[in-house]
Amino acid sequence: MPSVISGYDTLDVLGTFLGVYVALAALATLVGMPWQYTGGTAVMVIQAVGTVLALVVAVAFLALLHRSD
């Protein structure tokens, strides 16, 4: 019985799912604004920068995974 992803490299499919998951998690964190419950500007800045960096890493991972040679 052929699999659903026959013809595709398994790591490409898993990598795509991982990249999309990390990107969606970063966007959900930004939308949820968790820094509104912290006490201090420094913590707020660290959380915002970390969330944006997670989004950048996810997009870079997806771009690296799907770039054409």
N, C-alpha and C. Protein backbone atom coordinates (compact mmCIF):
# COMPACT_ATOMS: atom_id res chain seq x y z
N MET A 1 0.85 -1.18 0.00
CA MET A 1 0.00 0.00 0.00
C MET A 1 0.89 1.24 0.00
N PRO A 2 0.75 2.11 -0.98
CA PRO A 2 1.60 3.31 -1.02
C PRO A 2 1.19 4.31 0.07
N SER A 3 2.19 5.00 0.57
CA SER A 3 1.90 5.99 1.62
C SER A 3 1.36 7.27 1.00
N VAL A 4 0.83 8.11 1.85
CA VAL A 4 0.25 9.38 1.40
C VAL A 4 1.33 10.28 0.82
N ILE A 5 2.52 10.19 1.37
CA ILE A 5 3.59 11.09 0.94
C ILE A 5 4.57 10.38 -0.01
N SER A 6 4.10 9.37 -0.72
CA SER A 6 4.99 8.67 -1.65
C SER A 6 5.47 9.65 -2.72
N GLY A 7 6.72 9.53 -3.04
CA GLY A 7 7.31 10.43 -4.02
C GLY A 7 7.98 11.64 -3.40
N TYR A 8 7.82 11.82 -2.10
CA TYR A 8 8.45 12.94 -1.40
C TYR A 8 9.45 12.39 -0.39
N ASP A 9 10.49 13.13 -0.17
CA ASP A 9 11.44 12.77 0.87
C ASP A 9 10.79 13.00 2.23
N THR A 10 10.87 12.03 3.11
CA THR A 10 10.23 12.14 4.42
C THR A 10 10.77 13.32 5.21
N LEU A 11 12.06 13.59 5.09
CA LEU A 11 12.63 14.72 5.83
C LEU A 11 12.12 16.05 5.30
N ASP A 12 11.83 16.14 4.01
CA ASP A 12 11.24 17.37 3.47
C ASP A 12 9.87 17.63 4.07
N VAL A 13 9.07 16.58 4.16
CA VAL A 13 7.73 16.73 4.72
C VAL A 13 7.79 17.07 6.19
N LEU A 14 8.61 16.35 6.95
CA LEU A 14 8.73 16.63 8.38
C LEU A 14 9.34 18.01 8.64
N GLY A 15 10.31 18.39 7.82
CA GLY A 15 10.91 19.71 7.96
C GLY A 15 9.92 20.83 7.68
N THR A 16 9.07 20.61 6.70
CA THR A 16 8.04 21.60 6.39
C THR A 16 7.06 21.73 7.55
N PHE A 17 6.61 20.60 8.08
CA PHE A 17 5.70 20.65 9.23
C PHE A 17 6.35 21.34 10.43
N LEU A 18 7.63 21.05 10.68
CA LEU A 18 8.33 21.66 11.80
C LEU A 18 8.47 23.17 11.61
N GLY A 19 8.85 23.60 10.41
CA GLY A 19 8.99 25.02 10.15
C GLY A 19 7.68 25.77 10.28
N VAL A 20 6.61 25.19 9.76
CA VAL A 20 5.29 25.83 9.86
C VAL A 20 4.83 25.86 11.31
N TYR A 21 5.09 24.80 12.05
CA TYR A 21 4.70 24.76 13.47
C TYR A 21 5.42 25.85 14.28
N VAL A 22 6.71 25.98 14.07
CA VAL A 22 7.47 27.00 14.81
C VAL A 22 7.01 28.40 14.42
N ALA A 23 6.74 28.62 13.14
CA ALA A 23 6.26 29.93 12.71
C ALA A 23 4.90 30.25 13.31
N LEU A 24 3.99 29.27 13.31
CA LEU A 24 2.67 29.49 13.90
C LEU A 24 2.75 29.70 15.42
N ALA A 25 3.65 28.98 16.08
CA ALA A 25 3.82 29.16 17.52
C ALA A 25 4.36 30.56 17.83
N ALA A 26 5.28 31.05 17.01
CA ALA A 26 5.81 32.40 17.21
C ALA A 26 4.73 33.45 16.97
N LEU A 27 3.93 33.26 15.93
CA LEU A 27 2.85 34.22 15.67
C LEU A 27 1.80 34.18 16.78
N ALA A 28 1.49 32.99 17.27
CA ALA A 28 0.52 32.88 18.36
C ALA A 28 1.03 33.55 19.63
N THR A 29 2.32 33.46 19.86
CA THR A 29 2.91 34.11 21.02
C THR A 29 2.82 35.63 20.89
N LEU A 30 3.10 36.13 19.69
CA LEU A 30 3.00 37.58 19.48
C LEU A 30 1.56 38.07 19.63
N VAL A 31 0.61 37.30 19.11
CA VAL A 31 -0.80 37.71 19.20
C VAL A 31 -1.29 37.63 20.65
N GLY A 32 -0.80 36.63 21.39
CA GLY A 32 -1.23 36.46 22.78
C GLY A 32 -0.64 37.47 23.74
N MET A 33 0.38 38.18 23.33
CA MET A 33 1.05 39.21 24.12
C MET A 33 1.34 38.77 25.56
N PRO A 34 2.19 37.76 25.75
CA PRO A 34 2.45 37.28 27.11
C PRO A 34 3.20 38.29 27.97
N TRP A 35 3.84 39.26 27.34
CA TRP A 35 4.61 40.24 28.11
C TRP A 35 3.73 41.20 28.89
N GLN A 36 2.44 41.21 28.64
CA GLN A 36 1.57 42.11 29.40
C GLN A 36 1.41 41.65 30.85
N TYR A 37 1.81 40.40 31.14
CA TYR A 37 1.68 39.88 32.50
C TYR A 37 2.99 39.87 33.26
N THR A 38 4.06 40.37 32.65
CA THR A 38 5.36 40.37 33.31
C THR A 38 5.58 41.68 34.04
N GLY A 39 6.52 41.65 34.95
CA GLY A 39 6.83 42.86 35.67
C GLY A 39 8.17 43.42 35.25
N GLY A 40 8.18 44.27 34.28
CA GLY A 40 9.43 44.90 33.91
C GLY A 40 9.62 45.02 32.42
N THR A 41 10.28 46.08 32.05
CA THR A 41 10.53 46.36 30.65
C THR A 41 11.55 45.40 30.06
N ALA A 42 12.55 45.04 30.85
CA ALA A 42 13.60 44.16 30.34
C ALA A 42 13.02 42.80 29.95
N VAL A 43 12.14 42.26 30.76
CA VAL A 43 11.52 40.96 30.46
C VAL A 43 10.66 41.08 29.21
N MET A 44 9.95 42.18 29.09
CA MET A 44 9.10 42.40 27.92
C MET A 44 9.93 42.44 26.64
N VAL A 45 11.04 43.12 26.68
CA VAL A 45 11.90 43.24 25.49
C VAL A 45 12.49 41.88 25.14
N ILE A 46 12.93 41.12 26.13
CA ILE A 46 13.51 39.81 25.88
C ILE A 46 12.48 38.87 25.27
N GLN A 47 11.25 38.89 25.77
CA GLN A 47 10.21 38.03 25.23
C GLN A 47 9.85 38.43 23.79
N ALA A 48 9.75 39.69 23.52
CA ALA A 48 9.42 40.14 22.17
C ALA A 48 10.53 39.79 21.19
N VAL A 49 11.77 40.01 21.58
CA VAL A 49 12.91 39.69 20.70
C VAL A 49 13.00 38.18 20.48
N GLY A 50 12.79 37.40 21.51
CA GLY A 50 12.82 35.94 21.37
C GLY A 50 11.75 35.42 20.44
N THR A 51 10.57 36.00 20.53
CA THR A 51 9.48 35.58 19.65
C THR A 51 9.78 35.93 18.20
N VAL A 52 10.28 37.11 17.96
CA VAL A 52 10.62 37.51 16.59
C VAL A 52 11.76 36.65 16.05
N LEU A 53 12.73 36.33 16.90
CA LEU A 53 13.83 35.46 16.45
C LEU A 53 13.33 34.06 16.12
N ALA A 54 12.38 33.55 16.88
CA ALA A 54 11.80 32.24 16.57
C ALA A 54 11.12 32.27 15.21
N LEU A 55 10.43 33.34 14.90
CA LEU A 55 9.79 33.48 13.60
C LEU A 55 10.83 33.56 12.48
N VAL A 56 11.89 34.29 12.72
CA VAL A 56 12.96 34.41 11.72
C VAL A 56 13.62 33.05 11.47
N VAL A 57 13.87 32.30 12.53
CA VAL A 57 14.48 30.98 12.38
C VAL A 57 13.56 30.04 11.60
N ALA A 58 12.27 30.09 11.88
CA ALA A 58 11.32 29.23 11.18
C ALA A 58 11.26 29.57 9.70
N VAL A 59 11.22 30.84 9.37
CA VAL A 59 11.16 31.25 7.96
C VAL A 59 12.47 30.91 7.26
N ALA A 60 13.59 31.11 7.92
CA ALA A 60 14.88 30.77 7.33
C ALA A 60 14.99 29.26 7.11
N PHE A 61 14.48 28.47 8.05
CA PHE A 61 14.50 27.02 7.90
C PHE A 61 13.66 26.58 6.71
N LEU A 62 12.48 27.16 6.58
CA LEU A 62 11.63 26.82 5.44
C LEU A 62 12.25 27.26 4.12
N ALA A 63 12.88 28.42 4.11
CA ALA A 63 13.53 28.89 2.89
C ALA A 63 14.71 27.99 2.52
N LEU A 64 15.46 27.57 3.50
CA LEU A 64 16.60 26.67 3.25
C LEU A 64 16.12 25.32 2.78
N LEU A 65 15.03 24.86 3.33
CA LEU A 65 14.49 23.55 2.98
C LEU A 65 13.94 23.52 1.56
N HIS A 66 13.34 24.61 1.12
CA HIS A 66 12.65 24.60 -0.17
C HIS A 66 13.34 25.42 -1.26
N ARG A 67 14.57 25.80 -1.04
CA ARG A 67 15.27 26.53 -2.10
C ARG A 67 15.62 25.57 -3.24
N SER A 68 15.58 26.09 -4.42
CA SER A 68 15.90 25.25 -5.59
C SER A 68 17.39 25.34 -5.86
N ASP A 69 17.95 24.23 -6.28
CA ASP A 69 19.39 24.19 -6.53
C ASP A 69 19.73 24.65 -7.92
